[in-house]
């Protein structure tokens, strides 16, 4: 017997934010992790315009971001991530998307989160909502517990997301043709194409173009509007 799954991207799909950007700003302003940290963030800032103009792919940009972790204790990042989630990220979750996730669970679907963000940064959300499985970018740390500035595996983006859910489908008996996937970014096209029911959520212009051409569902969620509807 095969099962149906719902696969969710995290940043700007389940949450109205870029979690890594919020992490960087919070570390810089409130939890200074070392003298070299702002200089490493400068490298990220210089790369960002190229990424936003599609002159740099998501994998390369994430690798540059990971270099900002070099020399920081992984335990420091993990503790900071828990505070950041409770104080800043959790209030920015899209209520409509969280309701959709709950609906999939009610329908007996497996719920799986697949994100390019760093594992320690996604972990508090995972602990809070207990999906059936999750994938993120693993962070490499040495025996001394300090981050090396490199991933401990592949960056979980693009074709790597598709590979991850394909492997999970084989081990858990998931029928991808009957399954759903949700993402906001055109970097996730391979991920969205891997299932029978893809949905572009608040899509980038490039993803919206593909979604319209392919006849995919397109969902638009406004965090403030959703909150106002819940409070009315």
N, C-alpha and C. Protein backbone atom coordinates (compact mmCIF):
# COMPACT_ATOMS: atom_id res chain seq x y z
N UNK A 1 0.85 -1.20 0.00
CA UNK A 1 0.00 0.00 0.00
C UNK A 1 0.88 1.25 0.00
N UNK A 2 0.64 2.15 -0.94
CA UNK A 2 1.42 3.38 -1.00
C UNK A 2 0.76 4.48 -0.18
N UNK A 3 1.53 5.48 0.15
CA UNK A 3 1.03 6.58 0.95
C UNK A 3 1.16 7.89 0.19
N UNK A 4 0.37 8.86 0.61
CA UNK A 4 0.42 10.20 0.03
C UNK A 4 1.15 11.12 1.00
N UNK A 5 1.94 12.03 0.46
CA UNK A 5 2.70 12.96 1.30
C UNK A 5 2.48 14.39 0.86
N UNK A 6 2.73 15.30 1.78
CA UNK A 6 2.74 16.74 1.48
C UNK A 6 4.11 17.26 1.88
N UNK A 7 4.84 17.79 0.90
CA UNK A 7 6.20 18.29 1.12
C UNK A 7 6.17 19.82 1.15
N UNK A 8 6.76 20.39 2.18
CA UNK A 8 6.74 21.85 2.36
C UNK A 8 8.16 22.42 2.41
N UNK A 9 8.41 23.42 1.59
CA UNK A 9 9.57 24.28 1.78
C UNK A 9 9.31 25.11 3.04
N UNK A 10 10.33 25.77 3.58
CA UNK A 10 10.15 26.53 4.82
C UNK A 10 10.14 28.04 4.58
N UNK A 11 11.29 28.61 4.22
CA UNK A 11 11.38 30.07 4.08
C UNK A 11 10.45 30.59 3.00
N UNK A 12 9.63 31.57 3.37
CA UNK A 12 8.68 32.24 2.49
C UNK A 12 7.61 31.30 1.93
N UNK A 13 7.54 30.11 2.48
CA UNK A 13 6.47 29.18 2.13
C UNK A 13 5.62 28.90 3.36
N UNK A 14 6.27 28.46 4.44
CA UNK A 14 5.57 28.29 5.71
C UNK A 14 5.70 29.54 6.58
N UNK A 15 6.70 30.34 6.29
CA UNK A 15 6.99 31.50 7.13
C UNK A 15 7.23 32.73 6.25
N UNK A 16 6.76 33.86 6.72
CA UNK A 16 6.89 35.11 5.95
C UNK A 16 8.24 35.76 6.22
N UNK A 17 9.31 35.02 5.97
CA UNK A 17 10.64 35.53 6.27
C UNK A 17 11.70 34.65 5.62
N UNK A 18 12.90 35.20 5.55
CA UNK A 18 14.10 34.44 5.22
C UNK A 18 14.79 34.18 6.55
N UNK A 19 14.72 32.95 7.04
CA UNK A 19 15.19 32.65 8.38
C UNK A 19 16.69 32.88 8.54
N UNK A 20 17.48 32.61 7.50
CA UNK A 20 18.92 32.81 7.62
C UNK A 20 19.27 34.30 7.70
N UNK A 21 18.55 35.11 6.95
CA UNK A 21 18.77 36.56 7.04
C UNK A 21 18.44 37.05 8.46
N UNK A 22 17.33 36.57 9.01
CA UNK A 22 16.94 36.99 10.36
C UNK A 22 17.94 36.50 11.39
N UNK A 23 18.47 35.30 11.17
CA UNK A 23 19.50 34.78 12.07
C UNK A 23 20.73 35.69 12.05
N UNK A 24 21.18 36.03 10.85
CA UNK A 24 22.39 36.85 10.71
C UNK A 24 22.22 38.21 11.39
N UNK A 25 21.08 38.85 11.17
CA UNK A 25 20.84 40.16 11.78
C UNK A 25 20.77 40.07 13.30
N UNK A 26 20.15 39.01 13.81
CA UNK A 26 20.04 38.84 15.25
C UNK A 26 21.40 38.56 15.88
N UNK A 27 22.19 37.70 15.23
CA UNK A 27 23.53 37.43 15.75
C UNK A 27 24.38 38.69 15.76
N UNK A 28 24.26 39.47 14.71
CA UNK A 28 25.06 40.68 14.58
C UNK A 28 24.68 41.73 15.62
N UNK A 29 23.38 41.85 15.88
CA UNK A 29 22.90 42.91 16.77
C UNK A 29 22.93 42.53 18.25
N UNK A 30 22.64 41.25 18.53
CA UNK A 30 22.40 40.88 19.92
C UNK A 30 23.28 39.77 20.48
N UNK A 31 23.84 38.95 19.64
CA UNK A 31 24.55 37.76 20.12
C UNK A 31 25.89 37.63 19.39
N UNK A 32 26.65 38.68 19.40
CA UNK A 32 27.91 38.78 18.64
C UNK A 32 28.75 37.51 18.80
N UNK A 33 28.94 36.72 17.73
CA UNK A 33 29.65 35.44 17.87
C UNK A 33 31.15 35.50 17.60
N UNK A 34 31.72 36.68 17.44
CA UNK A 34 33.16 36.77 17.22
C UNK A 34 33.54 37.98 16.39
N UNK A 35 34.80 38.38 16.49
CA UNK A 35 35.25 39.60 15.82
C UNK A 35 35.19 39.51 14.31
N UNK A 36 35.35 38.30 13.76
CA UNK A 36 35.38 38.15 12.31
C UNK A 36 33.98 38.03 11.71
N UNK A 37 32.96 37.85 12.55
CA UNK A 37 31.62 37.59 12.02
C UNK A 37 31.12 38.68 11.08
N UNK A 38 31.21 39.97 11.43
CA UNK A 38 30.69 40.99 10.51
C UNK A 38 31.42 41.02 9.18
N UNK A 39 32.71 40.67 9.18
CA UNK A 39 33.45 40.65 7.92
C UNK A 39 33.01 39.49 7.04
N UNK A 40 32.67 38.37 7.67
CA UNK A 40 32.16 37.23 6.90
C UNK A 40 30.76 37.53 6.36
N UNK A 41 29.98 38.26 7.14
CA UNK A 41 28.65 38.65 6.64
C UNK A 41 28.76 39.62 5.48
N UNK A 42 29.81 40.41 5.46
CA UNK A 42 30.01 41.34 4.35
C UNK A 42 30.14 40.56 3.04
N UNK A 43 30.80 39.43 3.08
CA UNK A 43 30.93 38.58 1.89
C UNK A 43 29.55 38.11 1.43
N UNK A 44 28.70 37.77 2.39
CA UNK A 44 27.33 37.35 2.07
C UNK A 44 26.56 38.51 1.44
N UNK A 45 26.71 39.69 2.03
CA UNK A 45 26.01 40.87 1.52
C UNK A 45 26.44 41.21 0.10
N UNK A 46 27.72 41.03 -0.19
CA UNK A 46 28.21 41.32 -1.54
C UNK A 46 27.70 40.30 -2.56
N UNK A 47 27.46 39.08 -2.10
CA UNK A 47 26.97 38.03 -3.00
C UNK A 47 25.47 38.14 -3.25
N UNK A 48 24.74 38.73 -2.30
CA UNK A 48 23.27 38.72 -2.38
C UNK A 48 22.71 39.37 -3.65
N UNK A 49 23.22 40.52 -4.11
CA UNK A 49 22.67 41.09 -5.34
C UNK A 49 22.80 40.17 -6.55
N UNK A 50 23.89 39.42 -6.62
CA UNK A 50 24.08 38.48 -7.72
C UNK A 50 23.06 37.34 -7.63
N UNK A 51 22.81 36.90 -6.40
CA UNK A 51 21.83 35.84 -6.19
C UNK A 51 20.42 36.32 -6.56
N UNK A 52 20.07 37.51 -6.13
CA UNK A 52 18.73 38.03 -6.40
C UNK A 52 18.49 38.27 -7.88
N UNK A 53 19.55 38.53 -8.63
CA UNK A 53 19.42 38.75 -10.08
C UNK A 53 19.64 37.46 -10.87
N UNK A 54 19.61 36.33 -10.15
CA UNK A 54 19.79 35.01 -10.78
C UNK A 54 21.15 34.87 -11.48
N UNK A 55 22.14 35.62 -11.00
CA UNK A 55 23.50 35.49 -11.52
C UNK A 55 24.34 34.55 -10.66
N UNK A 56 23.73 34.05 -9.60
CA UNK A 56 24.36 33.07 -8.71
C UNK A 56 23.27 32.11 -8.26
N UNK A 57 23.55 30.81 -8.31
CA UNK A 57 22.49 29.86 -7.94
C UNK A 57 22.38 29.73 -6.42
N UNK A 58 21.29 29.10 -6.01
CA UNK A 58 20.96 28.99 -4.60
C UNK A 58 22.03 28.20 -3.84
N UNK A 59 22.54 27.14 -4.47
CA UNK A 59 23.56 26.31 -3.84
C UNK A 59 24.80 27.14 -3.50
N UNK A 60 25.30 27.90 -4.46
CA UNK A 60 26.50 28.70 -4.25
C UNK A 60 26.26 29.76 -3.18
N UNK A 61 25.10 30.41 -3.22
CA UNK A 61 24.82 31.45 -2.24
C UNK A 61 24.77 30.87 -0.83
N UNK A 62 24.13 29.70 -0.68
CA UNK A 62 24.06 29.08 0.63
C UNK A 62 25.45 28.69 1.14
N UNK A 63 26.31 28.23 0.25
CA UNK A 63 27.68 27.89 0.66
C UNK A 63 28.43 29.12 1.17
N UNK A 64 28.19 30.25 0.52
CA UNK A 64 28.81 31.50 0.98
C UNK A 64 28.26 31.87 2.36
N UNK A 65 26.95 31.72 2.54
CA UNK A 65 26.36 32.03 3.85
C UNK A 65 26.96 31.15 4.94
N UNK A 66 27.16 29.87 4.65
CA UNK A 66 27.69 28.96 5.65
C UNK A 66 29.09 29.36 6.12
N UNK A 67 29.85 30.04 5.27
CA UNK A 67 31.18 30.48 5.70
C UNK A 67 31.11 31.45 6.87
N UNK A 68 29.98 32.11 7.04
CA UNK A 68 29.84 33.05 8.16
C UNK A 68 29.82 32.33 9.51
N UNK A 69 29.55 31.02 9.49
CA UNK A 69 29.52 30.24 10.73
C UNK A 69 30.91 29.82 11.21
N UNK A 70 31.93 29.99 10.38
CA UNK A 70 33.26 29.46 10.69
C UNK A 70 33.76 29.97 12.04
N UNK A 71 34.16 29.01 12.88
CA UNK A 71 34.70 29.34 14.19
C UNK A 71 33.69 29.55 15.29
N UNK A 72 32.40 29.52 14.96
CA UNK A 72 31.35 29.70 15.96
C UNK A 72 30.99 28.33 16.55
N UNK A 73 30.87 28.21 17.87
CA UNK A 73 30.43 26.93 18.44
C UNK A 73 29.03 26.57 17.93
N UNK A 74 28.88 25.34 17.47
CA UNK A 74 27.57 24.90 16.99
C UNK A 74 26.53 25.02 18.10
N UNK A 75 26.94 24.76 19.33
CA UNK A 75 26.01 24.87 20.46
C UNK A 75 25.49 26.30 20.61
N UNK A 76 26.31 27.28 20.29
CA UNK A 76 25.88 28.69 20.35
C UNK A 76 24.80 28.94 19.30
N UNK A 77 25.00 28.43 18.09
CA UNK A 77 24.01 28.61 17.03
C UNK A 77 22.71 27.90 17.38
N UNK A 78 22.81 26.72 17.96
CA UNK A 78 21.61 25.96 18.32
C UNK A 78 20.81 26.68 19.40
N UNK A 79 21.49 27.18 20.42
CA UNK A 79 20.80 27.91 21.49
C UNK A 79 20.17 29.20 20.95
N UNK A 80 20.92 29.90 20.11
CA UNK A 80 20.39 31.13 19.53
C UNK A 80 19.18 30.85 18.66
N UNK A 81 19.21 29.74 17.90
CA UNK A 81 18.11 29.39 17.01
C UNK A 81 16.82 29.16 17.79
N UNK A 82 16.93 28.56 18.97
CA UNK A 82 15.72 28.33 19.78
C UNK A 82 15.10 29.65 20.22
N UNK A 83 15.93 30.59 20.65
CA UNK A 83 15.41 31.91 21.05
C UNK A 83 14.85 32.66 19.84
N UNK A 84 15.55 32.59 18.73
CA UNK A 84 15.11 33.29 17.52
C UNK A 84 13.76 32.76 17.06
N UNK A 85 13.58 31.46 17.12
CA UNK A 85 12.31 30.87 16.69
C UNK A 85 11.16 31.36 17.57
N UNK A 86 11.33 31.29 18.86
CA UNK A 86 10.25 31.68 19.77
C UNK A 86 9.95 33.17 19.68
N UNK A 87 10.99 33.98 19.59
CA UNK A 87 10.81 35.44 19.64
C UNK A 87 10.45 36.06 18.30
N UNK A 88 11.03 35.55 17.20
CA UNK A 88 10.91 36.24 15.92
C UNK A 88 10.28 35.40 14.81
N UNK A 89 10.65 34.14 14.71
CA UNK A 89 10.19 33.34 13.58
C UNK A 89 8.78 32.77 13.77
N UNK A 90 8.52 32.24 14.93
CA UNK A 90 7.21 31.62 15.18
C UNK A 90 6.05 32.58 14.90
N UNK A 91 6.13 33.85 15.32
CA UNK A 91 5.03 34.78 15.01
C UNK A 91 4.85 35.06 13.52
N UNK A 92 5.84 34.71 12.69
CA UNK A 92 5.76 34.99 11.26
C UNK A 92 5.30 33.79 10.44
N UNK A 93 4.95 32.69 11.09
CA UNK A 93 4.42 31.55 10.36
C UNK A 93 3.10 31.94 9.70
N UNK A 94 2.91 31.52 8.45
CA UNK A 94 1.65 31.80 7.76
C UNK A 94 0.53 30.95 8.38
N UNK A 95 -0.47 31.56 9.01
CA UNK A 95 -1.56 30.77 9.59
C UNK A 95 -2.25 29.87 8.56
N UNK A 96 -2.45 30.38 7.34
CA UNK A 96 -3.12 29.57 6.32
C UNK A 96 -2.30 28.34 5.96
N UNK A 97 -0.99 28.49 5.90
CA UNK A 97 -0.14 27.35 5.55
C UNK A 97 -0.06 26.35 6.71
N UNK A 98 -0.06 26.85 7.93
CA UNK A 98 -0.06 25.94 9.07
C UNK A 98 -1.37 25.17 9.14
N UNK A 99 -2.47 25.84 8.79
CA UNK A 99 -3.76 25.15 8.74
C UNK A 99 -3.76 24.10 7.64
N UNK A 100 -3.13 24.41 6.51
CA UNK A 100 -3.03 23.45 5.42
C UNK A 100 -2.20 22.24 5.83
N UNK A 101 -1.11 22.48 6.54
CA UNK A 101 -0.30 21.37 7.03
C UNK A 101 -1.12 20.47 7.96
N UNK A 102 -1.90 21.10 8.85
CA UNK A 102 -2.75 20.33 9.75
C UNK A 102 -3.81 19.55 8.99
N UNK A 103 -4.34 20.15 7.92
CA UNK A 103 -5.35 19.47 7.10
C UNK A 103 -4.76 18.24 6.43
N UNK A 104 -3.55 18.35 5.93
CA UNK A 104 -2.90 17.18 5.33
C UNK A 104 -2.75 16.07 6.37
N UNK A 105 -2.37 16.43 7.59
CA UNK A 105 -2.24 15.42 8.64
C UNK A 105 -3.57 14.76 8.92
N UNK A 106 -4.64 15.56 8.98
CA UNK A 106 -5.98 15.03 9.24
C UNK A 106 -6.40 14.05 8.15
N UNK A 107 -5.99 14.32 6.93
CA UNK A 107 -6.33 13.45 5.80
C UNK A 107 -5.45 12.20 5.72
N UNK A 108 -4.57 12.05 6.69
CA UNK A 108 -3.72 10.86 6.73
C UNK A 108 -2.48 10.95 5.87
N UNK A 109 -2.16 12.16 5.40
CA UNK A 109 -0.97 12.34 4.57
C UNK A 109 0.27 12.49 5.45
N UNK A 110 1.38 11.99 4.97
CA UNK A 110 2.65 12.27 5.62
C UNK A 110 3.00 13.73 5.38
N UNK A 111 3.49 14.40 6.40
CA UNK A 111 3.91 15.80 6.28
C UNK A 111 5.42 15.87 6.42
N UNK A 112 6.07 16.45 5.42
CA UNK A 112 7.53 16.45 5.36
C UNK A 112 8.02 17.85 5.00
N UNK A 113 8.95 18.37 5.77
CA UNK A 113 9.53 19.69 5.53
C UNK A 113 10.89 19.51 4.85
N UNK A 114 11.09 20.24 3.77
CA UNK A 114 12.32 20.11 2.97
C UNK A 114 12.86 21.51 2.72
N UNK A 115 13.95 21.86 3.39
CA UNK A 115 14.43 23.25 3.35
C UNK A 115 15.93 23.34 3.12
N UNK A 116 16.33 24.39 2.41
CA UNK A 116 17.76 24.66 2.21
C UNK A 116 18.40 25.28 3.44
N UNK A 117 17.60 25.73 4.38
CA UNK A 117 18.15 26.41 5.54
C UNK A 117 18.95 25.45 6.40
N UNK A 118 19.79 25.98 7.25
CA UNK A 118 20.65 25.16 8.09
C UNK A 118 19.84 24.35 9.09
N UNK A 119 20.31 23.13 9.37
CA UNK A 119 19.55 22.22 10.22
C UNK A 119 19.26 22.77 11.60
N UNK A 120 20.24 23.45 12.22
CA UNK A 120 20.03 23.97 13.57
C UNK A 120 18.96 25.05 13.58
N UNK A 121 18.82 25.77 12.46
CA UNK A 121 17.86 26.87 12.38
C UNK A 121 16.44 26.35 12.17
N UNK A 122 16.32 25.22 11.50
CA UNK A 122 15.00 24.63 11.26
C UNK A 122 14.54 23.78 12.44
N UNK A 123 15.48 23.26 13.23
CA UNK A 123 15.16 22.30 14.29
C UNK A 123 14.09 22.77 15.27
N UNK A 124 14.08 24.03 15.74
CA UNK A 124 13.02 24.43 16.68
C UNK A 124 11.62 24.32 16.09
N UNK A 125 11.47 24.65 14.80
CA UNK A 125 10.17 24.48 14.14
C UNK A 125 9.79 23.01 14.10
N UNK A 126 10.75 22.15 13.81
CA UNK A 126 10.50 20.72 13.74
C UNK A 126 10.06 20.19 15.09
N UNK A 127 10.73 20.62 16.15
CA UNK A 127 10.36 20.20 17.50
C UNK A 127 8.96 20.66 17.85
N UNK A 128 8.59 21.83 17.36
CA UNK A 128 7.29 22.43 17.68
C UNK A 128 6.14 21.75 16.93
N UNK A 129 6.40 21.29 15.71
CA UNK A 129 5.31 20.81 14.86
C UNK A 129 5.40 19.34 14.45
N UNK A 130 6.49 18.69 14.76
CA UNK A 130 6.64 17.24 14.60
C UNK A 130 6.16 16.69 13.27
N UNK A 131 6.75 17.11 12.15
CA UNK A 131 6.42 16.48 10.87
C UNK A 131 6.92 15.04 10.85
N UNK A 132 6.47 14.29 9.87
CA UNK A 132 6.86 12.88 9.79
C UNK A 132 8.32 12.70 9.39
N UNK A 133 8.87 13.66 8.68
CA UNK A 133 10.28 13.64 8.30
C UNK A 133 10.68 15.06 7.90
N UNK A 134 11.97 15.30 7.87
CA UNK A 134 12.44 16.62 7.45
C UNK A 134 13.85 16.54 6.90
N UNK A 135 14.13 17.48 6.02
CA UNK A 135 15.46 17.60 5.42
C UNK A 135 15.89 19.07 5.50
N UNK A 136 17.15 19.29 5.81
CA UNK A 136 17.72 20.63 5.83
C UNK A 136 19.20 20.50 5.47
N UNK A 137 19.89 21.62 5.43
CA UNK A 137 21.32 21.59 5.14
C UNK A 137 22.10 21.33 6.42
N UNK A 138 22.85 20.23 6.49
CA UNK A 138 23.61 19.92 7.71
C UNK A 138 24.86 20.79 7.81
N UNK A 139 25.20 21.17 9.03
CA UNK A 139 26.35 22.02 9.30
C UNK A 139 27.51 21.16 9.79
N UNK A 140 28.68 21.38 9.23
CA UNK A 140 29.87 20.64 9.67
C UNK A 140 30.52 21.33 10.86
N UNK A 141 30.83 20.54 11.89
CA UNK A 141 31.55 21.05 13.05
C UNK A 141 32.70 20.09 13.35
N UNK A 142 33.80 20.63 13.83
CA UNK A 142 34.95 19.80 14.18
C UNK A 142 34.77 19.15 15.53
N UNK A 143 35.79 18.37 15.95
CA UNK A 143 35.73 17.72 17.25
C UNK A 143 35.69 18.71 18.39
N UNK A 144 36.16 19.92 18.12
CA UNK A 144 36.12 20.97 19.14
C UNK A 144 34.76 21.64 19.23
N UNK A 145 33.82 21.21 18.39
CA UNK A 145 32.48 21.78 18.42
C UNK A 145 32.33 23.06 17.64
N UNK A 146 33.41 23.52 17.01
CA UNK A 146 33.35 24.76 16.24
C UNK A 146 32.97 24.48 14.79
N UNK A 147 32.11 25.33 14.25
CA UNK A 147 31.69 25.17 12.86
C UNK A 147 32.87 25.43 11.92
N UNK A 148 32.92 24.66 10.85
CA UNK A 148 34.01 24.81 9.88
C UNK A 148 33.68 25.81 8.79
N UNK A 149 32.41 26.19 8.69
CA UNK A 149 31.99 27.07 7.60
C UNK A 149 31.62 26.31 6.34
N UNK A 150 31.50 24.98 6.48
CA UNK A 150 31.13 24.14 5.34
C UNK A 150 29.92 23.29 5.71
N UNK A 151 29.17 22.82 4.71
CA UNK A 151 28.08 21.88 4.99
C UNK A 151 28.64 20.50 5.29
N UNK A 152 27.92 19.73 6.06
CA UNK A 152 28.32 18.35 6.36
C UNK A 152 27.63 17.40 5.39
N UNK A 153 27.46 17.83 4.19
CA UNK A 153 26.75 17.07 3.16
C UNK A 153 26.36 18.02 2.05
N UNK A 154 25.31 17.68 1.35
CA UNK A 154 24.85 18.53 0.25
C UNK A 154 23.95 19.66 0.75
N UNK A 155 23.97 20.77 0.03
CA UNK A 155 23.01 21.84 0.28
C UNK A 155 21.64 21.34 -0.17
N UNK A 156 20.64 21.44 0.71
CA UNK A 156 19.32 20.87 0.41
C UNK A 156 18.51 21.85 -0.44
N UNK A 157 18.86 21.93 -1.72
CA UNK A 157 18.19 22.86 -2.62
C UNK A 157 18.17 22.26 -4.02
N UNK A 158 17.20 22.71 -4.82
CA UNK A 158 17.15 22.30 -6.23
C UNK A 158 17.02 20.80 -6.41
N UNK A 159 17.88 20.24 -7.24
CA UNK A 159 17.81 18.81 -7.53
C UNK A 159 18.08 17.97 -6.30
N UNK A 160 18.79 18.52 -5.31
CA UNK A 160 19.04 17.78 -4.07
C UNK A 160 17.74 17.55 -3.31
N UNK A 161 16.83 18.52 -3.34
CA UNK A 161 15.52 18.32 -2.72
C UNK A 161 14.76 17.21 -3.42
N UNK A 162 14.78 17.21 -4.75
CA UNK A 162 14.10 16.17 -5.51
C UNK A 162 14.70 14.81 -5.21
N UNK A 163 16.03 14.75 -5.11
CA UNK A 163 16.70 13.49 -4.80
C UNK A 163 16.30 13.00 -3.41
N UNK A 164 16.23 13.93 -2.45
CA UNK A 164 15.89 13.56 -1.07
C UNK A 164 14.49 12.99 -0.97
N UNK A 165 13.52 13.64 -1.62
CA UNK A 165 12.15 13.13 -1.50
C UNK A 165 11.97 11.87 -2.33
N UNK A 166 12.75 11.72 -3.39
CA UNK A 166 12.69 10.48 -4.17
C UNK A 166 13.18 9.30 -3.35
N UNK A 167 14.27 9.50 -2.61
CA UNK A 167 14.78 8.45 -1.74
C UNK A 167 13.81 8.13 -0.62
N UNK A 168 13.21 9.17 -0.04
CA UNK A 168 12.23 8.95 1.03
C UNK A 168 11.01 8.21 0.50
N UNK A 169 10.60 8.54 -0.71
CA UNK A 169 9.44 7.86 -1.30
C UNK A 169 9.69 6.36 -1.42
N UNK A 170 10.90 6.00 -1.78
CA UNK A 170 11.22 4.57 -1.93
C UNK A 170 11.24 3.86 -0.58
N UNK A 171 11.76 4.52 0.45
CA UNK A 171 11.87 3.86 1.75
C UNK A 171 10.55 3.86 2.52
N UNK A 172 9.69 4.86 2.29
CA UNK A 172 8.45 4.97 3.04
C UNK A 172 7.22 4.60 2.22
N UNK A 173 7.42 4.18 0.98
CA UNK A 173 6.29 3.77 0.15
C UNK A 173 5.37 4.92 -0.23
N UNK A 174 5.96 6.06 -0.56
CA UNK A 174 5.17 7.24 -0.93
C UNK A 174 4.92 7.26 -2.42
N UNK A 175 3.68 7.51 -2.79
CA UNK A 175 3.30 7.67 -4.20
C UNK A 175 3.47 9.15 -4.55
N UNK A 176 4.56 9.48 -5.21
CA UNK A 176 4.83 10.89 -5.52
C UNK A 176 3.80 11.47 -6.48
N UNK A 177 3.26 10.65 -7.36
CA UNK A 177 2.27 11.15 -8.32
C UNK A 177 0.99 11.61 -7.62
N UNK A 178 0.72 11.06 -6.44
CA UNK A 178 -0.47 11.44 -5.68
C UNK A 178 -0.15 12.48 -4.60
N UNK A 179 1.11 12.87 -4.52
CA UNK A 179 1.56 13.73 -3.42
C UNK A 179 1.59 15.21 -3.81
N UNK A 180 1.79 16.04 -2.80
CA UNK A 180 1.74 17.50 -2.94
C UNK A 180 3.09 18.11 -2.55
N UNK A 181 3.43 19.23 -3.17
CA UNK A 181 4.63 19.97 -2.78
C UNK A 181 4.34 21.47 -2.85
N UNK A 182 4.93 22.21 -1.92
CA UNK A 182 4.69 23.65 -1.81
C UNK A 182 6.02 24.38 -1.70
N UNK A 183 6.22 25.39 -2.54
CA UNK A 183 7.43 26.20 -2.47
C UNK A 183 7.19 27.55 -3.11
N UNK A 184 8.05 28.50 -2.76
CA UNK A 184 7.93 29.87 -3.29
C UNK A 184 8.95 30.19 -4.37
N UNK A 185 9.99 29.35 -4.51
CA UNK A 185 11.16 29.78 -5.29
C UNK A 185 11.42 28.89 -6.50
N UNK A 186 11.85 29.54 -7.59
CA UNK A 186 12.14 28.80 -8.82
C UNK A 186 13.33 27.86 -8.68
N UNK A 187 14.15 28.03 -7.65
CA UNK A 187 15.23 27.07 -7.40
C UNK A 187 14.68 25.69 -7.08
N UNK A 188 13.41 25.64 -6.68
CA UNK A 188 12.78 24.38 -6.29
C UNK A 188 11.96 23.74 -7.40
N UNK A 189 12.22 24.08 -8.64
CA UNK A 189 11.43 23.51 -9.74
C UNK A 189 11.53 22.00 -9.79
N UNK A 190 12.72 21.45 -9.61
CA UNK A 190 12.87 19.99 -9.64
C UNK A 190 12.08 19.34 -8.51
N UNK A 191 12.07 19.97 -7.36
CA UNK A 191 11.31 19.51 -6.19
C UNK A 191 9.81 19.52 -6.50
N UNK A 192 9.32 20.60 -7.08
CA UNK A 192 7.90 20.71 -7.40
C UNK A 192 7.50 19.73 -8.51
N UNK A 193 8.37 19.55 -9.48
CA UNK A 193 8.05 18.65 -10.59
C UNK A 193 8.08 17.18 -10.19
N UNK A 194 8.63 16.90 -9.02
CA UNK A 194 8.73 15.51 -8.57
C UNK A 194 7.41 14.93 -8.10
N UNK A 195 6.40 15.80 -7.88
CA UNK A 195 5.11 15.33 -7.37
C UNK A 195 4.00 15.60 -8.38
N UNK A 196 2.86 14.98 -8.12
CA UNK A 196 1.73 15.16 -9.02
C UNK A 196 0.94 16.41 -8.78
N UNK A 197 1.08 17.01 -7.59
CA UNK A 197 0.27 18.18 -7.23
C UNK A 197 1.16 19.28 -6.65
N UNK A 198 1.89 20.00 -7.50
CA UNK A 198 2.73 21.10 -7.01
C UNK A 198 1.93 22.39 -6.84
N UNK A 199 2.31 23.18 -5.86
CA UNK A 199 1.70 24.49 -5.64
C UNK A 199 2.79 25.53 -5.42
N UNK A 200 2.71 26.61 -6.18
CA UNK A 200 3.63 27.74 -6.01
C UNK A 200 3.02 28.68 -4.98
N UNK A 201 3.72 28.92 -3.89
CA UNK A 201 3.22 29.75 -2.79
C UNK A 201 3.95 31.09 -2.80
N UNK A 202 3.19 32.17 -2.96
CA UNK A 202 3.83 33.50 -3.05
C UNK A 202 5.05 33.42 -3.97
N UNK A 203 4.87 32.97 -5.20
CA UNK A 203 6.01 32.61 -6.04
C UNK A 203 6.86 33.78 -6.52
N UNK A 204 8.14 33.49 -6.73
CA UNK A 204 9.00 34.43 -7.43
C UNK A 204 8.47 34.58 -8.85
N UNK A 205 8.80 35.68 -9.54
CA UNK A 205 8.31 35.84 -10.92
C UNK A 205 8.65 34.67 -11.82
N UNK A 206 9.86 34.13 -11.68
CA UNK A 206 10.26 33.01 -12.53
C UNK A 206 9.42 31.77 -12.24
N UNK A 207 9.15 31.50 -10.96
CA UNK A 207 8.33 30.35 -10.61
C UNK A 207 6.89 30.57 -11.06
N UNK A 208 6.38 31.78 -10.91
CA UNK A 208 5.01 32.06 -11.33
C UNK A 208 4.83 31.82 -12.83
N UNK A 209 5.83 32.19 -13.62
CA UNK A 209 5.76 31.97 -15.07
C UNK A 209 5.64 30.49 -15.38
N UNK A 210 6.46 29.67 -14.72
CA UNK A 210 6.41 28.22 -14.94
C UNK A 210 5.08 27.65 -14.46
N UNK A 211 4.64 28.10 -13.29
CA UNK A 211 3.38 27.59 -12.72
C UNK A 211 2.20 27.87 -13.65
N UNK A 212 2.15 29.07 -14.20
CA UNK A 212 1.07 29.42 -15.13
C UNK A 212 1.16 28.58 -16.40
N UNK A 213 2.37 28.38 -16.89
CA UNK A 213 2.56 27.60 -18.11
C UNK A 213 2.18 26.13 -17.91
N UNK A 214 2.47 25.61 -16.71
CA UNK A 214 2.21 24.19 -16.43
C UNK A 214 0.82 23.95 -15.85
N UNK A 215 0.10 25.02 -15.53
CA UNK A 215 -1.22 24.85 -14.94
C UNK A 215 -1.18 24.44 -13.48
N UNK A 216 -0.09 24.77 -12.79
CA UNK A 216 0.01 24.44 -11.37
C UNK A 216 -0.84 25.40 -10.54
N UNK A 217 -1.21 24.94 -9.36
CA UNK A 217 -1.90 25.82 -8.42
C UNK A 217 -0.94 26.91 -7.95
N UNK A 218 -1.49 28.10 -7.74
CA UNK A 218 -0.72 29.23 -7.21
C UNK A 218 -1.48 29.76 -6.00
N UNK A 219 -0.78 29.87 -4.87
CA UNK A 219 -1.40 30.36 -3.64
C UNK A 219 -0.70 31.63 -3.19
N UNK A 220 -1.50 32.60 -2.77
CA UNK A 220 -0.95 33.85 -2.24
C UNK A 220 -1.41 34.00 -0.80
N UNK A 221 -0.46 34.17 0.09
CA UNK A 221 -0.78 34.33 1.50
C UNK A 221 -0.13 35.59 2.03
N UNK A 222 -0.90 36.38 2.74
CA UNK A 222 -0.39 37.58 3.38
C UNK A 222 -0.45 37.35 4.89
N UNK A 223 0.70 37.43 5.53
CA UNK A 223 0.76 37.12 6.95
C UNK A 223 -0.14 38.03 7.77
N UNK A 224 -0.11 39.32 7.51
CA UNK A 224 -0.92 40.27 8.28
C UNK A 224 -2.40 40.05 8.06
N UNK A 225 -2.79 39.78 6.79
CA UNK A 225 -4.20 39.55 6.50
C UNK A 225 -4.68 38.29 7.19
N UNK A 226 -3.86 37.25 7.19
CA UNK A 226 -4.24 36.00 7.84
C UNK A 226 -4.42 36.21 9.34
N UNK A 227 -3.51 36.97 9.95
CA UNK A 227 -3.61 37.25 11.37
C UNK A 227 -4.86 38.05 11.68
N UNK A 228 -5.18 39.03 10.84
CA UNK A 228 -6.37 39.85 11.05
C UNK A 228 -7.63 39.02 10.96
N UNK A 229 -7.68 38.08 10.00
CA UNK A 229 -8.84 37.22 9.85
C UNK A 229 -9.02 36.33 11.07
N UNK A 230 -7.90 35.86 11.63
CA UNK A 230 -7.99 35.00 12.81
C UNK A 230 -8.48 35.79 14.02
N UNK A 231 -8.10 37.06 14.08
CA UNK A 231 -8.45 37.86 15.25
C UNK A 231 -9.82 38.53 15.14
N UNK A 232 -10.44 38.47 13.95
CA UNK A 232 -11.73 39.14 13.77
C UNK A 232 -12.89 38.29 14.27
